[in-house]
Amino acid sequence: MVNQKNMFIGEYLHTIDEKSRLAIPIKFRADLLKGAVVTRGLDNCLFLFTKVEWQKLAEKLANLPLSQSNTRAFARLMLAGAMDAELDKQGRIILPEYLQKFAGLKKQVIVAGLYNRLEIWDESTWTKYKESTEKNSEEIAERMGELGV
């Protein structure tokens, strides 16, 4: 369970500098000071977790049945792509080239808070994704209702 202090919410425009550094929004930095992990995400973005949240996810992935190809593939996507991300004194992390390439990140990125993780999106990819989602919001809401949300 994520406590109030660790709840990530909001949408922020940031820039990746020439040294592949990304400044994390100030309001999220304190939660990431004890370490973080960045990995391949879903929908063409990167996921950034606190070490505590990453540990929870990694344990679940490690316990998935090895006999199922889709669980092996998902575990590989998340675990093999992961990298420790330490904040520097200016609150920046380094995004390795393979992760930038995976997510199609250019200079301008969106850092989006999603409760227990941050997502890092290329700005144009985020804009297209958000417009599509907003256009289908009623259908999505109906599906969420079926899940009890």
N, C-alpha and C. Protein backbone atom coordinates (compact mmCIF):
# COMPACT_ATOMS: atom_id res chain seq x y z
N MET A 1 0.84 -1.19 0.00
CA MET A 1 0.00 0.00 0.00
C MET A 1 0.88 1.25 0.00
N VAL A 2 0.58 2.18 -0.85
CA VAL A 2 1.33 3.41 -0.95
C VAL A 2 0.74 4.41 0.04
N ASN A 3 1.59 5.04 0.85
CA ASN A 3 1.07 6.05 1.76
C ASN A 3 1.01 7.39 1.04
N GLN A 4 0.41 8.38 1.67
CA GLN A 4 0.25 9.69 1.05
C GLN A 4 1.57 10.26 0.55
N LYS A 5 2.63 10.09 1.33
CA LYS A 5 3.92 10.65 0.96
C LYS A 5 4.40 10.08 -0.37
N ASN A 6 4.13 8.81 -0.62
CA ASN A 6 4.64 8.15 -1.81
C ASN A 6 3.65 8.15 -2.97
N MET A 7 2.57 8.90 -2.88
CA MET A 7 1.58 8.90 -3.95
C MET A 7 2.03 9.86 -5.05
N PHE A 8 2.26 9.31 -6.23
CA PHE A 8 2.68 10.12 -7.37
C PHE A 8 1.45 10.46 -8.20
N ILE A 9 1.20 11.76 -8.37
CA ILE A 9 0.12 12.20 -9.25
C ILE A 9 0.57 13.46 -9.98
N GLY A 10 -0.01 13.69 -11.13
CA GLY A 10 0.29 14.89 -11.90
C GLY A 10 1.02 14.59 -13.20
N GLU A 11 1.15 15.62 -14.01
CA GLU A 11 1.73 15.53 -15.34
C GLU A 11 2.67 16.72 -15.52
N TYR A 12 3.94 16.44 -15.88
CA TYR A 12 4.96 17.48 -15.92
C TYR A 12 5.79 17.38 -17.19
N LEU A 13 6.04 18.50 -17.82
CA LEU A 13 6.88 18.57 -19.01
C LEU A 13 8.32 18.83 -18.59
N HIS A 14 9.24 17.98 -19.04
CA HIS A 14 10.66 18.14 -18.72
C HIS A 14 11.49 17.86 -19.98
N THR A 15 12.78 18.12 -19.88
CA THR A 15 13.69 17.95 -21.00
C THR A 15 14.81 16.98 -20.64
N ILE A 16 15.18 16.13 -21.59
CA ILE A 16 16.35 15.28 -21.43
C ILE A 16 17.53 16.08 -21.98
N ASP A 17 18.57 16.24 -21.16
CA ASP A 17 19.71 17.04 -21.61
C ASP A 17 20.67 16.22 -22.47
N GLU A 18 21.72 16.87 -22.95
CA GLU A 18 22.68 16.22 -23.86
C GLU A 18 23.45 15.07 -23.21
N LYS A 19 23.42 14.97 -21.90
CA LYS A 19 24.08 13.88 -21.18
C LYS A 19 23.09 12.80 -20.74
N SER A 20 21.91 12.79 -21.34
CA SER A 20 20.85 11.81 -21.07
C SER A 20 20.30 11.91 -19.65
N ARG A 21 20.35 13.10 -19.06
CA ARG A 21 19.82 13.31 -17.72
C ARG A 21 18.42 13.91 -17.80
N LEU A 22 17.57 13.43 -16.90
CA LEU A 22 16.20 13.92 -16.81
C LEU A 22 15.96 14.41 -15.39
N ALA A 23 15.55 15.66 -15.26
CA ALA A 23 15.22 16.21 -13.94
C ALA A 23 13.85 15.67 -13.53
N ILE A 24 13.81 15.10 -12.34
CA ILE A 24 12.56 14.59 -11.78
C ILE A 24 11.82 15.76 -11.14
N PRO A 25 10.50 15.86 -11.31
CA PRO A 25 9.75 16.95 -10.68
C PRO A 25 10.06 17.03 -9.17
N ILE A 26 10.23 18.23 -8.69
CA ILE A 26 10.64 18.47 -7.30
C ILE A 26 9.75 17.74 -6.31
N LYS A 27 8.45 17.73 -6.52
CA LYS A 27 7.54 17.12 -5.55
C LYS A 27 7.73 15.62 -5.40
N PHE A 28 8.42 14.95 -6.35
CA PHE A 28 8.64 13.50 -6.29
C PHE A 28 10.02 13.12 -5.77
N ARG A 29 10.93 14.05 -5.71
CA ARG A 29 12.33 13.72 -5.42
C ARG A 29 12.54 13.07 -4.06
N ALA A 30 11.90 13.58 -3.03
CA ALA A 30 12.13 13.04 -1.68
C ALA A 30 11.81 11.55 -1.61
N ASP A 31 10.78 11.13 -2.32
CA ASP A 31 10.38 9.72 -2.31
C ASP A 31 11.38 8.83 -3.05
N LEU A 32 12.20 9.43 -3.90
CA LEU A 32 13.14 8.65 -4.71
C LEU A 32 14.57 8.71 -4.18
N LEU A 33 14.79 9.45 -3.11
CA LEU A 33 16.14 9.61 -2.57
C LEU A 33 16.75 8.31 -2.07
N LYS A 34 15.92 7.37 -1.63
CA LYS A 34 16.43 6.09 -1.14
C LYS A 34 16.68 5.12 -2.29
N GLY A 35 16.59 5.61 -3.50
CA GLY A 35 16.84 4.79 -4.67
C GLY A 35 15.60 4.58 -5.50
N ALA A 36 15.84 4.32 -6.75
CA ALA A 36 14.74 4.12 -7.69
C ALA A 36 15.21 3.15 -8.77
N VAL A 37 14.24 2.64 -9.51
CA VAL A 37 14.52 1.74 -10.63
C VAL A 37 13.71 2.22 -11.82
N VAL A 38 14.37 2.33 -12.97
CA VAL A 38 13.70 2.68 -14.22
C VAL A 38 13.75 1.46 -15.12
N THR A 39 12.64 1.20 -15.80
CA THR A 39 12.56 0.02 -16.67
C THR A 39 11.63 0.28 -17.84
N ARG A 40 11.61 -0.68 -18.75
CA ARG A 40 10.66 -0.61 -19.86
C ARG A 40 9.25 -0.66 -19.28
N GLY A 41 8.40 0.19 -19.81
CA GLY A 41 7.01 0.18 -19.38
C GLY A 41 6.13 -0.40 -20.47
N LEU A 42 4.88 -0.06 -20.40
CA LEU A 42 3.90 -0.50 -21.38
C LEU A 42 3.43 0.72 -22.17
N ASP A 43 2.86 0.51 -23.32
CA ASP A 43 2.33 1.59 -24.16
C ASP A 43 3.41 2.58 -24.60
N ASN A 44 4.63 2.11 -24.77
CA ASN A 44 5.75 2.94 -25.26
C ASN A 44 6.19 4.02 -24.28
N CYS A 45 6.28 3.67 -23.02
CA CYS A 45 6.81 4.59 -22.03
C CYS A 45 7.77 3.83 -21.12
N LEU A 46 8.40 4.56 -20.21
CA LEU A 46 9.24 3.96 -19.19
C LEU A 46 8.53 4.05 -17.86
N PHE A 47 8.79 3.10 -16.98
CA PHE A 47 8.28 3.13 -15.61
C PHE A 47 9.43 3.47 -14.68
N LEU A 48 9.17 4.32 -13.70
CA LEU A 48 10.14 4.66 -12.67
C LEU A 48 9.49 4.37 -11.32
N PHE A 49 10.09 3.43 -10.59
CA PHE A 49 9.57 3.00 -9.29
C PHE A 49 10.51 3.39 -8.17
N THR A 50 9.96 3.60 -6.98
CA THR A 50 10.81 3.66 -5.80
C THR A 50 11.38 2.25 -5.61
N LYS A 51 12.46 2.12 -4.84
CA LYS A 51 13.04 0.79 -4.59
C LYS A 51 12.01 -0.12 -3.91
N VAL A 52 11.22 0.43 -2.99
CA VAL A 52 10.23 -0.38 -2.27
C VAL A 52 9.18 -0.92 -3.23
N GLU A 53 8.64 -0.07 -4.08
CA GLU A 53 7.62 -0.51 -5.03
C GLU A 53 8.21 -1.47 -6.06
N TRP A 54 9.44 -1.23 -6.49
CA TRP A 54 10.10 -2.12 -7.42
C TRP A 54 10.26 -3.52 -6.81
N GLN A 55 10.67 -3.56 -5.55
CA GLN A 55 10.86 -4.84 -4.89
C GLN A 55 9.56 -5.65 -4.87
N LYS A 56 8.45 -4.98 -4.60
CA LYS A 56 7.15 -5.66 -4.60
C LYS A 56 6.85 -6.25 -5.97
N LEU A 57 7.05 -5.45 -7.01
CA LEU A 57 6.77 -5.92 -8.37
C LEU A 57 7.73 -7.03 -8.77
N ALA A 58 9.01 -6.86 -8.49
CA ALA A 58 10.01 -7.87 -8.87
C ALA A 58 9.71 -9.22 -8.22
N GLU A 59 9.28 -9.19 -6.97
CA GLU A 59 8.94 -10.45 -6.29
C GLU A 59 7.75 -11.14 -6.97
N LYS A 60 6.75 -10.35 -7.35
CA LYS A 60 5.61 -10.94 -8.06
C LYS A 60 6.03 -11.53 -9.39
N LEU A 61 6.89 -10.81 -10.12
CA LEU A 61 7.36 -11.31 -11.41
C LEU A 61 8.19 -12.57 -11.25
N ALA A 62 9.01 -12.60 -10.22
CA ALA A 62 9.86 -13.78 -9.98
C ALA A 62 9.03 -15.01 -9.64
N ASN A 63 7.84 -14.82 -9.13
CA ASN A 63 6.98 -15.94 -8.73
C ASN A 63 5.99 -16.37 -9.82
N LEU A 64 6.05 -15.75 -10.98
CA LEU A 64 5.17 -16.17 -12.08
C LEU A 64 5.62 -17.53 -12.60
N PRO A 65 4.69 -18.33 -13.11
CA PRO A 65 5.06 -19.66 -13.61
C PRO A 65 5.99 -19.59 -14.82
N LEU A 66 7.12 -20.28 -14.72
CA LEU A 66 8.09 -20.31 -15.81
C LEU A 66 7.59 -21.08 -17.03
N SER A 67 6.58 -21.90 -16.83
CA SER A 67 6.09 -22.75 -17.92
C SER A 67 5.25 -21.98 -18.93
N GLN A 68 4.84 -20.76 -18.62
CA GLN A 68 4.00 -19.98 -19.54
C GLN A 68 4.85 -18.94 -20.27
N SER A 69 4.81 -18.99 -21.59
CA SER A 69 5.68 -18.11 -22.38
C SER A 69 5.35 -16.63 -22.18
N ASN A 70 4.07 -16.30 -22.01
CA ASN A 70 3.73 -14.88 -21.84
C ASN A 70 4.22 -14.33 -20.51
N THR A 71 4.25 -15.14 -19.46
CA THR A 71 4.77 -14.66 -18.17
C THR A 71 6.29 -14.51 -18.24
N ARG A 72 6.96 -15.43 -18.94
CA ARG A 72 8.41 -15.29 -19.12
C ARG A 72 8.73 -14.02 -19.91
N ALA A 73 7.96 -13.77 -20.95
CA ALA A 73 8.19 -12.59 -21.79
C ALA A 73 7.98 -11.30 -21.00
N PHE A 74 6.92 -11.25 -20.20
CA PHE A 74 6.65 -10.05 -19.41
C PHE A 74 7.73 -9.83 -18.36
N ALA A 75 8.15 -10.89 -17.70
CA ALA A 75 9.22 -10.78 -16.70
C ALA A 75 10.51 -10.29 -17.36
N ARG A 76 10.81 -10.81 -18.54
CA ARG A 76 12.03 -10.36 -19.25
C ARG A 76 11.94 -8.89 -19.60
N LEU A 77 10.78 -8.48 -20.11
CA LEU A 77 10.58 -7.08 -20.48
C LEU A 77 10.87 -6.17 -19.29
N MET A 78 10.30 -6.50 -18.15
CA MET A 78 10.42 -5.63 -16.98
C MET A 78 11.76 -5.77 -16.26
N LEU A 79 12.19 -7.01 -16.02
CA LEU A 79 13.38 -7.23 -15.19
C LEU A 79 14.68 -7.01 -15.95
N ALA A 80 14.79 -7.54 -17.16
CA ALA A 80 16.04 -7.40 -17.90
C ALA A 80 16.27 -5.96 -18.34
N GLY A 81 15.20 -5.21 -18.50
CA GLY A 81 15.33 -3.82 -18.92
C GLY A 81 15.56 -2.85 -17.78
N ALA A 82 15.52 -3.34 -16.55
CA ALA A 82 15.60 -2.47 -15.38
C ALA A 82 17.01 -1.99 -15.11
N MET A 83 17.08 -0.78 -14.53
CA MET A 83 18.35 -0.20 -14.15
C MET A 83 18.15 0.67 -12.91
N ASP A 84 19.11 0.59 -11.97
CA ASP A 84 19.05 1.48 -10.81
C ASP A 84 19.14 2.92 -11.29
N ALA A 85 18.39 3.79 -10.67
CA ALA A 85 18.38 5.21 -11.03
C ALA A 85 18.60 6.02 -9.75
N GLU A 86 19.76 6.61 -9.63
CA GLU A 86 20.09 7.43 -8.46
C GLU A 86 19.95 8.90 -8.83
N LEU A 87 19.29 9.66 -7.97
CA LEU A 87 19.17 11.09 -8.20
C LEU A 87 20.49 11.78 -7.88
N ASP A 88 20.91 12.69 -8.76
CA ASP A 88 22.10 13.48 -8.46
C ASP A 88 21.69 14.68 -7.60
N LYS A 89 22.62 15.57 -7.32
CA LYS A 89 22.34 16.70 -6.43
C LYS A 89 21.31 17.67 -7.01
N GLN A 90 21.12 17.65 -8.32
CA GLN A 90 20.10 18.50 -8.96
C GLN A 90 18.79 17.76 -9.19
N GLY A 91 18.67 16.56 -8.64
CA GLY A 91 17.42 15.81 -8.78
C GLY A 91 17.22 15.17 -10.14
N ARG A 92 18.33 14.84 -10.81
CA ARG A 92 18.25 14.24 -12.13
C ARG A 92 18.64 12.76 -12.07
N ILE A 93 18.08 12.00 -13.02
CA ILE A 93 18.51 10.62 -13.22
C ILE A 93 19.05 10.51 -14.64
N ILE A 94 19.88 9.50 -14.85
CA ILE A 94 20.38 9.23 -16.20
C ILE A 94 19.49 8.15 -16.81
N LEU A 95 19.03 8.42 -18.02
CA LEU A 95 18.24 7.45 -18.76
C LEU A 95 19.14 6.79 -19.80
N PRO A 96 19.44 5.50 -19.65
CA PRO A 96 20.32 4.85 -20.61
C PRO A 96 19.74 4.87 -22.02
N GLU A 97 20.63 4.83 -22.98
CA GLU A 97 20.23 4.93 -24.38
C GLU A 97 19.24 3.85 -24.78
N TYR A 98 19.42 2.61 -24.30
CA TYR A 98 18.50 1.53 -24.69
C TYR A 98 17.08 1.79 -24.20
N LEU A 99 16.93 2.44 -23.05
CA LEU A 99 15.58 2.77 -22.57
C LEU A 99 15.00 3.95 -23.34
N GLN A 100 15.84 4.94 -23.64
CA GLN A 100 15.36 6.07 -24.44
C GLN A 100 14.88 5.58 -25.80
N LYS A 101 15.64 4.67 -26.39
CA LYS A 101 15.27 4.13 -27.70
C LYS A 101 13.97 3.33 -27.60
N PHE A 102 13.85 2.49 -26.57
CA PHE A 102 12.63 1.69 -26.39
C PHE A 102 11.39 2.58 -26.36
N ALA A 103 11.44 3.68 -25.61
CA ALA A 103 10.28 4.55 -25.44
C ALA A 103 10.20 5.65 -26.50
N GLY A 104 11.16 5.69 -27.42
CA GLY A 104 11.15 6.72 -28.46
C GLY A 104 11.30 8.12 -27.90
N LEU A 105 12.07 8.25 -26.81
CA LEU A 105 12.20 9.56 -26.16
C LEU A 105 13.08 10.48 -26.98
N LYS A 106 12.60 11.69 -27.14
CA LYS A 106 13.40 12.73 -27.78
C LYS A 106 13.78 13.71 -26.68
N LYS A 107 13.82 14.97 -26.96
CA LYS A 107 14.25 15.96 -25.96
C LYS A 107 13.16 16.28 -24.93
N GLN A 108 11.94 16.50 -25.41
CA GLN A 108 10.84 16.88 -24.53
C GLN A 108 10.10 15.62 -24.08
N VAL A 109 9.94 15.47 -22.77
CA VAL A 109 9.24 14.30 -22.24
C VAL A 109 8.20 14.73 -21.21
N ILE A 110 7.25 13.86 -20.99
CA ILE A 110 6.25 14.03 -19.95
C ILE A 110 6.57 13.05 -18.84
N VAL A 111 6.60 13.55 -17.62
CA VAL A 111 6.72 12.69 -16.43
C VAL A 111 5.33 12.70 -15.79
N ALA A 112 4.69 11.53 -15.80
CA ALA A 112 3.32 11.42 -15.30
C ALA A 112 3.31 10.57 -14.04
N GLY A 113 2.66 11.09 -13.00
CA GLY A 113 2.53 10.34 -11.75
C GLY A 113 1.33 9.43 -11.80
N LEU A 114 1.55 8.15 -11.50
CA LEU A 114 0.47 7.17 -11.51
C LEU A 114 0.46 6.38 -10.22
N TYR A 115 0.23 7.08 -9.13
CA TYR A 115 0.08 6.53 -7.78
C TYR A 115 1.35 5.91 -7.24
N ASN A 116 1.71 4.70 -7.69
CA ASN A 116 2.89 4.04 -7.11
C ASN A 116 4.09 4.02 -8.07
N ARG A 117 3.97 4.72 -9.19
CA ARG A 117 5.08 4.80 -10.14
C ARG A 117 4.98 6.10 -10.92
N LEU A 118 6.09 6.43 -11.57
CA LEU A 118 6.10 7.52 -12.54
C LEU A 118 6.24 6.89 -13.91
N GLU A 119 5.63 7.52 -14.90
CA GLU A 119 5.82 7.09 -16.28
C GLU A 119 6.52 8.22 -17.01
N ILE A 120 7.44 7.84 -17.90
CA ILE A 120 8.21 8.80 -18.68
C ILE A 120 7.87 8.55 -20.14
N TRP A 121 7.29 9.56 -20.77
CA TRP A 121 6.78 9.47 -22.13
C TRP A 121 7.45 10.52 -23.02
N ASP A 122 7.66 10.19 -24.29
CA ASP A 122 7.98 11.21 -25.26
C ASP A 122 6.76 12.13 -25.34
N GLU A 123 6.98 13.42 -25.41
CA GLU A 123 5.85 14.37 -25.37
C GLU A 123 4.83 14.10 -26.48
N SER A 124 5.27 13.87 -27.71
CA SER A 124 4.30 13.67 -28.80
C SER A 124 3.56 12.34 -28.64
N THR A 125 4.23 11.30 -28.17
CA THR A 125 3.57 10.02 -27.94
C THR A 125 2.51 10.16 -26.85
N TRP A 126 2.86 10.88 -25.78
CA TRP A 126 1.91 11.12 -24.68
C TRP A 126 0.69 11.87 -25.18
N THR A 127 0.91 12.91 -25.98
CA THR A 127 -0.20 13.71 -26.49
C THR A 127 -1.16 12.86 -27.31
N LYS A 128 -0.62 12.02 -28.20
CA LYS A 128 -1.47 11.14 -29.02
C LYS A 128 -2.22 10.14 -28.14
N TYR A 129 -1.50 9.55 -27.19
CA TYR A 129 -2.12 8.56 -26.30
C TYR A 129 -3.24 9.21 -25.49
N LYS A 130 -2.97 10.37 -24.94
CA LYS A 130 -3.95 11.06 -24.11
C LYS A 130 -5.19 11.47 -24.92
N GLU A 131 -4.98 11.97 -26.13
CA GLU A 131 -6.11 12.34 -26.97
C GLU A 131 -6.98 11.13 -27.29
N SER A 132 -6.36 10.01 -27.60
CA SER A 132 -7.10 8.78 -27.88
C SER A 132 -7.88 8.31 -26.66
N THR A 133 -7.23 8.34 -25.51
CA THR A 133 -7.88 7.91 -24.28
C THR A 133 -9.05 8.83 -23.93
N GLU A 134 -8.85 10.12 -24.07
CA GLU A 134 -9.92 11.07 -23.77
C GLU A 134 -11.11 10.87 -24.70
N LYS A 135 -10.82 10.55 -25.96
CA LYS A 135 -11.88 10.33 -26.95
C LYS A 135 -12.71 9.10 -26.57
N ASN A 136 -12.08 8.10 -25.96
CA ASN A 136 -12.75 6.85 -25.60
C ASN A 136 -13.08 6.77 -24.11
N SER A 137 -13.13 7.88 -23.43
CA SER A 137 -13.28 7.87 -21.97
C SER A 137 -14.58 7.22 -21.49
N GLU A 138 -15.66 7.39 -22.22
CA GLU A 138 -16.93 6.78 -21.78
C GLU A 138 -16.86 5.25 -21.85
N GLU A 139 -16.30 4.73 -22.92
CA GLU A 139 -16.16 3.28 -23.07
C GLU A 139 -15.22 2.73 -21.99
N ILE A 140 -14.12 3.44 -21.75
CA ILE A 140 -13.17 3.02 -20.71
C ILE A 140 -13.84 3.03 -19.35
N ALA A 141 -14.63 4.06 -19.07
CA ALA A 141 -15.34 4.16 -17.78
C ALA A 141 -16.30 2.99 -17.60
N GLU A 142 -16.99 2.59 -18.65
CA GLU A 142 -17.91 1.45 -18.57
C GLU A 142 -17.16 0.17 -18.22
N ARG A 143 -16.00 -0.04 -18.86
CA ARG A 143 -15.18 -1.22 -18.56
C ARG A 143 -14.69 -1.20 -17.11
N MET A 144 -14.33 -0.03 -16.65
CA MET A 144 -13.84 0.10 -15.26
C MET A 144 -14.98 -0.20 -14.28
N GLY A 145 -16.20 0.20 -14.66
CA GLY A 145 -17.35 -0.12 -13.83
C GLY A 145 -17.55 -1.62 -13.67
N GLU A 146 -17.27 -2.35 -14.74
CA GLU A 146 -17.37 -3.82 -14.68
C GLU A 146 -16.34 -4.40 -13.71
N LEU A 147 -15.25 -3.67 -13.48
CA LEU A 147 -14.22 -4.13 -12.55
C LEU A 147 -14.47 -3.64 -11.12
N GLY A 148 -15.55 -2.90 -10.95
CA GLY A 148 -15.90 -2.42 -9.62
C GLY A 148 -15.29 -1.08 -9.25
N VAL A 149 -14.83 -0.33 -10.25
CA VAL A 149 -14.23 0.98 -9.99
C VAL A 149 -15.26 2.06 -10.17
